[in-house]
């Protein structure tokens, strides 16, 4: 009995690891059909529907497109007009968009898993190519890992658990959120292409095909331009992408002693063909998509789809600790309309400082880690934070998890963050669903949540620093 039960577990593990992409897709499509059918009537959870309110906004805007009208006639539609145009392709099926978002989310999971597999192969190759005869044990271990099917199945299953089988990712896309389709997929494609380029340029054999490398840079720029046009926030990655493509690390080693030489090295690196071409392609794509939207739907496409997000303030469903002053400021906004925009601009300062600093420090050596830190900090410090924002950095975490050590401090910080989320959700439920006057308690929960986020980010950065030190010591032994 024990033998058969163990065999069943092994078979299931192989199935769910080898076919994770297809299983994840089928699971999403089924839940996207089943859960709205069961939960949208509000009988199971009174006052709460499964379908995201934004999905109704999408479908309503698509209905206006079908009537040859502007999608911005639908109030609160503040997205690219091309999303509504796409959803209008199948006028008789309102669930088409939900299924499309699920396919995009499954593709995100597939790309994350493939990225992690590629990183593992690169690590094995580095160990196998080591010329140090005293490290034969490391080479033997690498061979065992490569040839061990069971270990590979465990790794593949872990890859899938990061996103493909992640309940949060499944929940968000099946509710009708367009995050995966509009922004996460273009962002992951950009990271994939940029890291492909950087890996190829460090390999002398692949470095000869200059035309292919330039095509990769152009495709990365197009993906980035689409991502910025669709959601705007990926613009924070632009500097990190440019630094990664510039290969400035090779120009700065050995370390420059004169500050002037350092500035010169940075300038020459950033003016290389790859970063310049990426910047131009991204700008042309972004401006072209935006200009097309304005051409078809007027300045409202620019104002609602882009400019609105610079000044967006919302106190409802907002995890940010800033929601309470936004709520209070609305009372005096009519007499002093400058308050909310001015304070909103001031709040951008710490975000900007973190973005620039992390780009010039982390992106030089590890693009994925830099993007994760930037997104995490951007969301934590933002004046508006909704549940979808968490997917912005959760999709990047598995790309840099190999650089992190899950130390006791990190585990404690994760537990603290979970408790802070539960505290916020319970207080927000009392405020918004039960109508209790607990505004200050919700604000206190938001402050606790912000502190838990900052604490976790610091713990992760410390673990990444210690991981790099150990990796540097290992690499010195291998040289």
Foldseek 3Di string as FASTA:
>chain_A
DVVVVVVVVLVVLLCCLVCVLVVLLVVLVVCLPPQQVPFQVCPVPNPDGLADPVLVLLLCLLVCVVVVHGSPVRPPPQWFSVSSVVCVPDNVDSSPLLSVLSNLQSVLLVLQLVLLVVVLVVVLVLLCPFPDPVVVVVNVVSVCCVPPPSNVSVSSNVSCCLRSVPPLNSSCSSSRDNCSVQASSLVSLLVVLLVVLLVQCVDPVSVVCVVVSLVSLLSSLLSLLSNCLGPVPSVLLLLLSLLSNLLLVVLCPVHDPDPVSSVVSVVVSSPDPSSVSSVVSSVCNNVVSQVVSCVSHNCVSVVRHPVCVLQDQDLAQFLALLSLVVVVVVVCCVVPVVVSNVVQVVLCVVLVVLSVVLSVPVSSPHSLVSQLLSLLVCQLSHNGHHSVSVVSNSSSCSSCVLLFDCDPQLVVLVVQLVVLVVQLVVLSCCCPVVVDPCSVSNSVSSVSNSVSSVSNSVNRVVRSVVSVVVVVVVVVVSD
